[in-house]
Amino acid sequence: MRYEEFIRDVVEKYVDKGLINIDLLPDMEIYMDQVETFMNRKLSIYKKDEKDKVITKTMIGNYVKHKMLPRPINKKYSKDHLIILSLIFYLKRTFQMEEIEKILDPLITNYNSEFDDKIDLTNLYEGIVKVQEEELLPLGQNVTSIIEKCKYSLKETGLSDDDMLELFMLIMILSMKADAHKFLAHKLLQEYILKPKQKK
């Protein structure tokens, strides 16, 4: 299979299964074993191999210990727990644990508060997923466009008909695009979450 066909297949699967849609989250409370099974099934696209787990019971326990995830009630996890766990999973791909703690702190503080008006985590998560789904729609076209630009660039420089160089360029450009988004996310974290706390 040529890499173009492979990448089209991967993009299609990612657009279809890269996000946990709010409708897929169970409304009932479930135990940690069930949480682990559910999350690994829904995020299986991120596994490097079949035996791999993207989320483990140890991870979940550590998130609770570090106050990134609210404590379960009677050892059971609610829909809100699964929403926050999903957010942690996506944030982990860009940020370190201490940074995620800071990003999630307002949500967790609000969740645990007896006095503040509660943030509707379902609506918040639904909004995040909806915007991201819209952002993902042109992903296939964008990747195809990058491939064509790589081919053209290589042809212009007399290096055409070389899959290895096309793949190298494609991997580099996708990595640099990801880095640009990561750079912006880190700048926002630094300026609006970390800096205000440092001033205090």
C-alpha atoms as a PDB file:
ATOM      1  CA  MET A   1       0.000   0.000   0.000  1.00  0.00           C
ATOM      2  CA  ARG A   2       1.440   3.372  -0.990  1.00  0.00           C
ATOM      3  CA  TYR A   3       1.650   5.862   1.837  1.00  0.00           C
ATOM      4  CA  GLU A   4      -1.019   8.129   0.268  1.00  0.00           C
ATOM      5  CA  GLU A   5      -3.615   5.378   0.592  1.00  0.00           C
ATOM      6  CA  PHE A   6      -2.407   4.547   4.108  1.00  0.00           C
ATOM      7  CA  ILE A   7      -2.600   8.173   5.297  1.00  0.00           C
ATOM      8  CA  ARG A   8      -6.097   8.594   3.792  1.00  0.00           C
ATOM      9  CA  ASP A   9      -7.209   5.495   5.718  1.00  0.00           C
ATOM     10  CA  VAL A  10      -5.634   6.782   8.966  1.00  0.00           C
ATOM     11  CA  VAL A  11      -7.231  10.231   8.551  1.00  0.00           C
ATOM     12  CA  GLU A  12     -10.637   8.650   7.944  1.00  0.00           C
ATOM     13  CA  LYS A  13     -10.322   6.508  11.089  1.00  0.00           C
ATOM     14  CA  TYR A  14      -9.057   9.450  13.142  1.00  0.00           C
ATOM     15  CA  VAL A  15     -11.914  11.737  12.069  1.00  0.00           C
ATOM     16  CA  ASP A  16     -14.367   8.926  12.861  1.00  0.00           C
ATOM     17  CA  LYS A  17     -12.884   7.611  16.117  1.00  0.00           C
ATOM     18  CA  GLY A  18     -10.327  10.136  17.396  1.00  0.00           C
ATOM     19  CA  LEU A  19     -12.806  11.840  19.747  1.00  0.00           C
ATOM     20  CA  ILE A  20     -15.117  10.382  22.374  1.00  0.00           C
ATOM     21  CA  ASN A  21     -18.500  11.844  21.496  1.00  0.00           C
ATOM     22  CA  ILE A  22     -20.678  12.910  24.428  1.00  0.00           C
ATOM     23  CA  ASP A  23     -23.416  10.461  23.330  1.00  0.00           C
ATOM     24  CA  LEU A  24     -21.003   7.562  23.881  1.00  0.00           C
ATOM     25  CA  LEU A  25     -20.420   8.369  27.567  1.00  0.00           C
ATOM     26  CA  PRO A  26     -22.533   6.225  29.926  1.00  0.00           C
ATOM     27  CA  ASP A  27     -25.051   8.103  32.083  1.00  0.00           C
ATOM     28  CA  MET A  28     -24.758   5.603  34.942  1.00  0.00           C
ATOM     29  CA  GLU A  29     -21.986   5.425  37.522  1.00  0.00           C
ATOM     30  CA  ILE A  30     -19.379   2.733  36.880  1.00  0.00           C
ATOM     31  CA  TYR A  31     -16.459   1.119  38.712  1.00  0.00           C
ATOM     32  CA  MET A  32     -12.782   1.711  37.886  1.00  0.00           C
ATOM     33  CA  ASP A  33     -12.454  -1.580  35.950  1.00  0.00           C
ATOM     34  CA  GLN A  34     -15.352  -0.503  33.742  1.00  0.00           C
ATOM     35  CA  VAL A  35     -13.864   2.989  33.312  1.00  0.00           C
ATOM     36  CA  GLU A  36     -10.547   1.480  32.186  1.00  0.00           C
ATOM     37  CA  THR A  37     -12.291  -0.889  29.742  1.00  0.00           C
ATOM     38  CA  PHE A  38     -14.557   1.853  28.362  1.00  0.00           C
ATOM     39  CA  MET A  39     -11.767   4.400  27.834  1.00  0.00           C
ATOM     40  CA  ASN A  40      -9.434   1.891  26.191  1.00  0.00           C
ATOM     41  CA  ARG A  41     -12.167   0.698  23.865  1.00  0.00           C
ATOM     42  CA  LYS A  42     -13.193   4.214  22.825  1.00  0.00           C
ATOM     43  CA  LEU A  43      -9.595   5.439  22.443  1.00  0.00           C
ATOM     44  CA  SER A  44      -8.250   2.269  20.786  1.00  0.00           C
ATOM     45  CA  ILE A  45      -7.156   4.266  17.719  1.00  0.00           C
ATOM     46  CA  TYR A  46      -4.327   5.707  19.865  1.00  0.00           C
ATOM     47  CA  LYS A  47      -2.888   2.287  20.784  1.00  0.00           C
ATOM     48  CA  LYS A  48       0.542   1.566  19.356  1.00  0.00           C
ATOM     49  CA  ASP A  49      -0.179  -2.170  19.437  1.00  0.00           C
ATOM     50  CA  GLU A  50      -3.116  -4.417  20.335  1.00  0.00           C
ATOM     51  CA  LYS A  51      -1.952  -5.142  23.910  1.00  0.00           C
ATOM     52  CA  ASP A  52      -1.285  -1.454  24.629  1.00  0.00           C
ATOM     53  CA  LYS A  53      -3.496   0.475  27.073  1.00  0.00           C
ATOM     54  CA  VAL A  54      -3.984   4.206  26.655  1.00  0.00           C
ATOM     55  CA  ILE A  55      -5.421   4.537  30.173  1.00  0.00           C
ATOM     56  CA  THR A  56      -4.746   2.269  33.158  1.00  0.00           C
ATOM     57  CA  LYS A  57      -6.178   1.980  36.672  1.00  0.00           C
ATOM     58  CA  THR A  58      -2.834   3.267  38.024  1.00  0.00           C
ATOM     59  CA  MET A  59      -3.135   6.392  35.862  1.00  0.00           C
ATOM     60  CA  ILE A  60      -6.704   6.995  37.053  1.00  0.00           C
ATOM     61  CA  GLY A  61      -5.577   6.572  40.691  1.00  0.00           C
ATOM     62  CA  ASN A  62      -2.728   9.055  40.122  1.00  0.00           C
ATOM     63  CA  TYR A  63      -5.091  11.614  38.554  1.00  0.00           C
ATOM     64  CA  VAL A  64      -7.304  11.406  41.650  1.00  0.00           C
ATOM     65  CA  LYS A  65      -4.251  11.603  43.954  1.00  0.00           C
ATOM     66  CA  HIS A  66      -2.988  14.736  42.167  1.00  0.00           C
ATOM     67  CA  LYS A  67      -6.496  16.281  42.300  1.00  0.00           C
ATOM     68  CA  MET A  68      -6.821  16.368  38.505  1.00  0.00           C
ATOM     69  CA  LEU A  69      -9.836  14.059  38.735  1.00  0.00           C
ATOM     70  CA  PRO A  70     -12.464  14.287  41.501  1.00  0.00           C
ATOM     71  CA  ARG A  71     -12.591  11.416  43.979  1.00  0.00           C
ATOM     72  CA  PRO A  72     -15.043   8.682  43.022  1.00  0.00           C
ATOM     73  CA  ILE A  73     -18.162   8.395  45.152  1.00  0.00           C
ATOM     74  CA  ASN A  74     -18.435   4.943  46.749  1.00  0.00           C
ATOM     75  CA  LYS A  75     -15.725   3.768  44.314  1.00  0.00           C
ATOM     76  CA  LYS A  76     -17.961   4.715  41.374  1.00  0.00           C
ATOM     77  CA  TYR A  77     -17.200   7.159  38.564  1.00  0.00           C
ATOM     78  CA  SER A  78     -19.856   9.379  37.002  1.00  0.00           C
ATOM     79  CA  LYS A  79     -20.265  10.830  33.517  1.00  0.00           C
ATOM     80  CA  ASP A  80     -18.492  13.973  34.792  1.00  0.00           C
ATOM     81  CA  HIS A  81     -15.510  11.823  35.828  1.00  0.00           C
ATOM     82  CA  LEU A  82     -15.344  10.335  32.321  1.00  0.00           C
ATOM     83  CA  ILE A  83     -15.523  13.800  30.745  1.00  0.00           C
ATOM     84  CA  ILE A  84     -12.610  15.059  32.865  1.00  0.00           C
ATOM     85  CA  LEU A  85     -10.675  11.841  32.201  1.00  0.00           C
ATOM     86  CA  SER A  86     -11.179  12.376  28.447  1.00  0.00           C
ATOM     87  CA  LEU A  87      -9.939  15.968  28.761  1.00  0.00           C
ATOM     88  CA  ILE A  88      -6.859  14.753  30.661  1.00  0.00           C
ATOM     89  CA  PHE A  89      -6.147  12.220  27.910  1.00  0.00           C
ATOM     90  CA  TYR A  90      -6.232  14.876  25.177  1.00  0.00           C
ATOM     91  CA  LEU A  91      -4.249  17.409  27.231  1.00  0.00           C
ATOM     92  CA  LYS A  92      -1.595  14.792  28.025  1.00  0.00           C
ATOM     93  CA  ARG A  93      -0.615  14.705  24.385  1.00  0.00           C
ATOM     94  CA  THR A  94       0.583  18.326  24.661  1.00  0.00           C
ATOM     95  CA  PHE A  95       1.205  19.164  28.330  1.00  0.00           C
ATOM     96  CA  GLN A  96       3.046  17.732  31.327  1.00  0.00           C
ATOM     97  CA  MET A  97       1.138  16.532  34.399  1.00  0.00           C
ATOM     98  CA  GLU A  98       1.858  19.668  36.485  1.00  0.00           C
ATOM     99  CA  GLU A  99       0.628  21.866  33.619  1.00  0.00           C
ATOM    100  CA  ILE A 100      -2.565  19.820  33.240  1.00  0.00           C
ATOM    101  CA  GLU A 101      -3.190  20.222  36.978  1.00  0.00           C
ATOM    102  CA  LYS A 102      -3.068  24.018  36.531  1.00  0.00           C
ATOM    103  CA  ILE A 103      -5.292  23.968  33.437  1.00  0.00           C
ATOM    104  CA  LEU A 104      -7.926  21.789  35.122  1.00  0.00           C
ATOM    105  CA  ASP A 105      -7.759  23.488  38.525  1.00  0.00           C
ATOM    106  CA  PRO A 106     -10.731  25.871  37.948  1.00  0.00           C
ATOM    107  CA  LEU A 107     -12.927  22.966  36.769  1.00  0.00           C
ATOM    108  CA  ILE A 108     -11.973  20.710  39.695  1.00  0.00           C
ATOM    109  CA  THR A 109     -12.326  23.559  42.236  1.00  0.00           C
ATOM    110  CA  ASN A 110     -15.781  24.340  40.848  1.00  0.00           C
ATOM    111  CA  TYR A 111     -16.745  20.646  40.835  1.00  0.00           C
ATOM    112  CA  ASN A 112     -15.758  20.230  44.501  1.00  0.00           C
ATOM    113  CA  SER A 113     -17.256  23.549  45.662  1.00  0.00           C
ATOM    114  CA  GLU A 114     -20.424  23.559  47.762  1.00  0.00           C
ATOM    115  CA  PHE A 115     -21.109  27.218  47.005  1.00  0.00           C
ATOM    116  CA  ASP A 116     -20.226  28.051  43.375  1.00  0.00           C
ATOM    117  CA  ASP A 117     -22.708  27.640  40.539  1.00  0.00           C
ATOM    118  CA  LYS A 118     -21.743  24.372  38.905  1.00  0.00           C
ATOM    119  CA  ILE A 119     -20.163  24.352  35.452  1.00  0.00           C
ATOM    120  CA  ASP A 120     -22.153  22.026  33.206  1.00  0.00           C
ATOM    121  CA  LEU A 121     -19.344  19.688  32.171  1.00  0.00           C
ATOM    122  CA  THR A 122     -21.552  17.887  29.649  1.00  0.00           C
ATOM    123  CA  ASN A 123     -22.283  21.106  27.743  1.00  0.00           C
ATOM    124  CA  LEU A 124     -18.652  22.251  28.006  1.00  0.00           C
ATOM    125  CA  TYR A 125     -17.304  18.941  26.671  1.00  0.00           C
ATOM    126  CA  GLU A 126     -19.958  18.794  23.957  1.00  0.00           C
ATOM    127  CA  GLY A 127     -18.873  22.271  22.799  1.00  0.00           C
ATOM    128  CA  ILE A 128     -15.193  21.285  22.719  1.00  0.00           C
ATOM    129  CA  VAL A 129     -15.908  18.123  20.715  1.00  0.00           C
ATOM    130  CA  LYS A 130     -18.229  19.935  18.297  1.00  0.00           C
ATOM    131  CA  VAL A 131     -15.627  22.611  17.469  1.00  0.00           C
ATOM    132  CA  GLN A 132     -12.892  19.984  17.119  1.00  0.00           C
ATOM    133  CA  GLU A 133     -15.062  17.821  14.840  1.00  0.00           C
ATOM    134  CA  GLU A 134     -15.580  20.834  12.573  1.00  0.00           C
ATOM    135  CA  GLU A 135     -11.822  21.475  12.596  1.00  0.00           C
ATOM    136  CA  LEU A 136     -11.167  17.845  11.623  1.00  0.00           C
ATOM    137  CA  LEU A 137     -13.517  17.833   8.598  1.00  0.00           C
ATOM    138  CA  PRO A 138     -10.976  19.330   6.148  1.00  0.00           C
ATOM    139  CA  LEU A 139      -8.090  17.248   7.595  1.00  0.00           C
ATOM    140  CA  GLY A 140      -8.030  14.782   4.680  1.00  0.00           C
ATOM    141  CA  GLN A 141      -7.996  17.592   2.114  1.00  0.00           C
ATOM    142  CA  ASN A 142      -5.253  19.416   4.030  1.00  0.00           C
ATOM    143  CA  VAL A 143      -3.033  16.325   4.142  1.00  0.00           C
ATOM    144  CA  THR A 144      -3.622  15.638   0.430  1.00  0.00           C
ATOM    145  CA  SER A 145      -2.701  19.259  -0.316  1.00  0.00           C
ATOM    146  CA  ILE A 146       0.532  18.935   1.711  1.00  0.00           C
ATOM    147  CA  ILE A 147       1.435  15.733  -0.176  1.00  0.00           C
ATOM    148  CA  GLU A 148       0.916  17.475  -3.514  1.00  0.00           C
ATOM    149  CA  LYS A 149       3.043  20.429  -2.396  1.00  0.00           C
ATOM    150  CA  CYS A 150       5.804  18.044  -1.263  1.00  0.00           C
ATOM    151  CA  LYS A 151       5.765  16.264  -4.632  1.00  0.00           C
ATOM    152  CA  TYR A 152       5.875  19.599  -6.466  1.00  0.00           C
ATOM    153  CA  SER A 153       8.719  20.888  -4.282  1.00  0.00           C
ATOM    154  CA  LEU A 154      10.759  17.716  -4.824  1.00  0.00           C
ATOM    155  CA  LYS A 155      10.119  17.845  -8.570  1.00  0.00           C
ATOM    156  CA  GLU A 156      11.226  21.486  -8.669  1.00  0.00           C
ATOM    157  CA  THR A 157      14.494  20.585  -6.937  1.00  0.00           C
ATOM    158  CA  GLY A 158      15.096  17.489  -9.127  1.00  0.00           C
ATOM    159  CA  LEU A 159      14.394  15.012  -6.294  1.00  0.00           C
ATOM    160  CA  SER A 160      11.036  13.630  -7.527  1.00  0.00           C
ATOM    161  CA  ASP A 161       9.891   9.991  -7.644  1.00  0.00           C
ATOM    162  CA  ASP A 162      11.356   9.244  -4.249  1.00  0.00           C
ATOM    163  CA  ASP A 163       8.822   7.974  -1.694  1.00  0.00           C
ATOM    164  CA  MET A 164      11.354   8.195   1.129  1.00  0.00           C
ATOM    165  CA  LEU A 165      11.875  11.933   0.574  1.00  0.00           C
ATOM    166  CA  GLU A 166       8.122  12.544   0.163  1.00  0.00           C
ATOM    167  CA  LEU A 167       7.469  10.700   3.433  1.00  0.00           C
ATOM    168  CA  PHE A 168      10.266  12.587   5.185  1.00  0.00           C
ATOM    169  CA  MET A 169       8.840  15.936   4.042  1.00  0.00           C
ATOM    170  CA  LEU A 170       5.289  14.955   4.990  1.00  0.00           C
ATOM    171  CA  ILE A 171       6.309  13.774   8.480  1.00  0.00           C
ATOM    172  CA  MET A 172       8.362  16.943   9.028  1.00  0.00           C
ATOM    173  CA  ILE A 173       5.561  19.279   7.906  1.00  0.00           C
ATOM    174  CA  LEU A 174       2.860  17.477   9.948  1.00  0.00           C
ATOM    175  CA  SER A 175       5.195  17.568  12.957  1.00  0.00           C
ATOM    176  CA  MET A 176       5.885  21.286  12.464  1.00  0.00           C
ATOM    177  CA  LYS A 177       2.145  22.047  12.123  1.00  0.00           C
ATOM    178  CA  ALA A 178       1.502  20.123  15.361  1.00  0.00           C
ATOM    179  CA  ASP A 179       4.365  22.032  17.008  1.00  0.00           C
ATOM    180  CA  ALA A 180       2.842  25.372  15.933  1.00  0.00           C
ATOM    181  CA  HIS A 181      -0.446  24.504  17.684  1.00  0.00           C
ATOM    182  CA  LYS A 182       1.438  23.191  20.719  1.00  0.00           C
ATOM    183  CA  PHE A 183       3.476  26.429  20.826  1.00  0.00           C
ATOM    184  CA  LEU A 184       0.278  28.531  20.861  1.00  0.00           C
ATOM    185  CA  ALA A 185      -1.337  26.362  23.563  1.00  0.00           C
ATOM    186  CA  HIS A 186       1.781  26.684  25.763  1.00  0.00           C
ATOM    187  CA  LYS A 187       1.878  30.466  25.265  1.00  0.00           C
ATOM    188  CA  LEU A 188      -1.760  30.729  26.408  1.00  0.00           C
ATOM    189  CA  LEU A 189      -1.032  28.526  29.424  1.00  0.00           C
ATOM    190  CA  GLN A 190       1.985  30.656  30.386  1.00  0.00           C
ATOM    191  CA  GLU A 191       0.328  34.048  29.913  1.00  0.00           C
ATOM    192  CA  TYR A 192      -3.145  33.437  31.344  1.00  0.00           C
ATOM    193  CA  ILE A 193      -2.839  30.560  33.818  1.00  0.00           C
ATOM    194  CA  LEU A 194       0.729  30.331  35.120  1.00  0.00           C
ATOM    195  CA  LYS A 195       1.677  34.054  35.135  1.00  0.00           C
ATOM    196  CA  PRO A 196      -1.326  35.292  37.179  1.00  0.00           C
ATOM    197  CA  LYS A 197      -0.572  32.647  39.843  1.00  0.00           C
ATOM    198  CA  GLN A 198       3.116  33.602  39.940  1.00  0.00           C
ATOM    199  CA  LYS A 199       2.141  37.248  40.619  1.00  0.00           C
ATOM    200  CA  LYS A 200       0.121  36.168  43.649  1.00  0.00           C
END
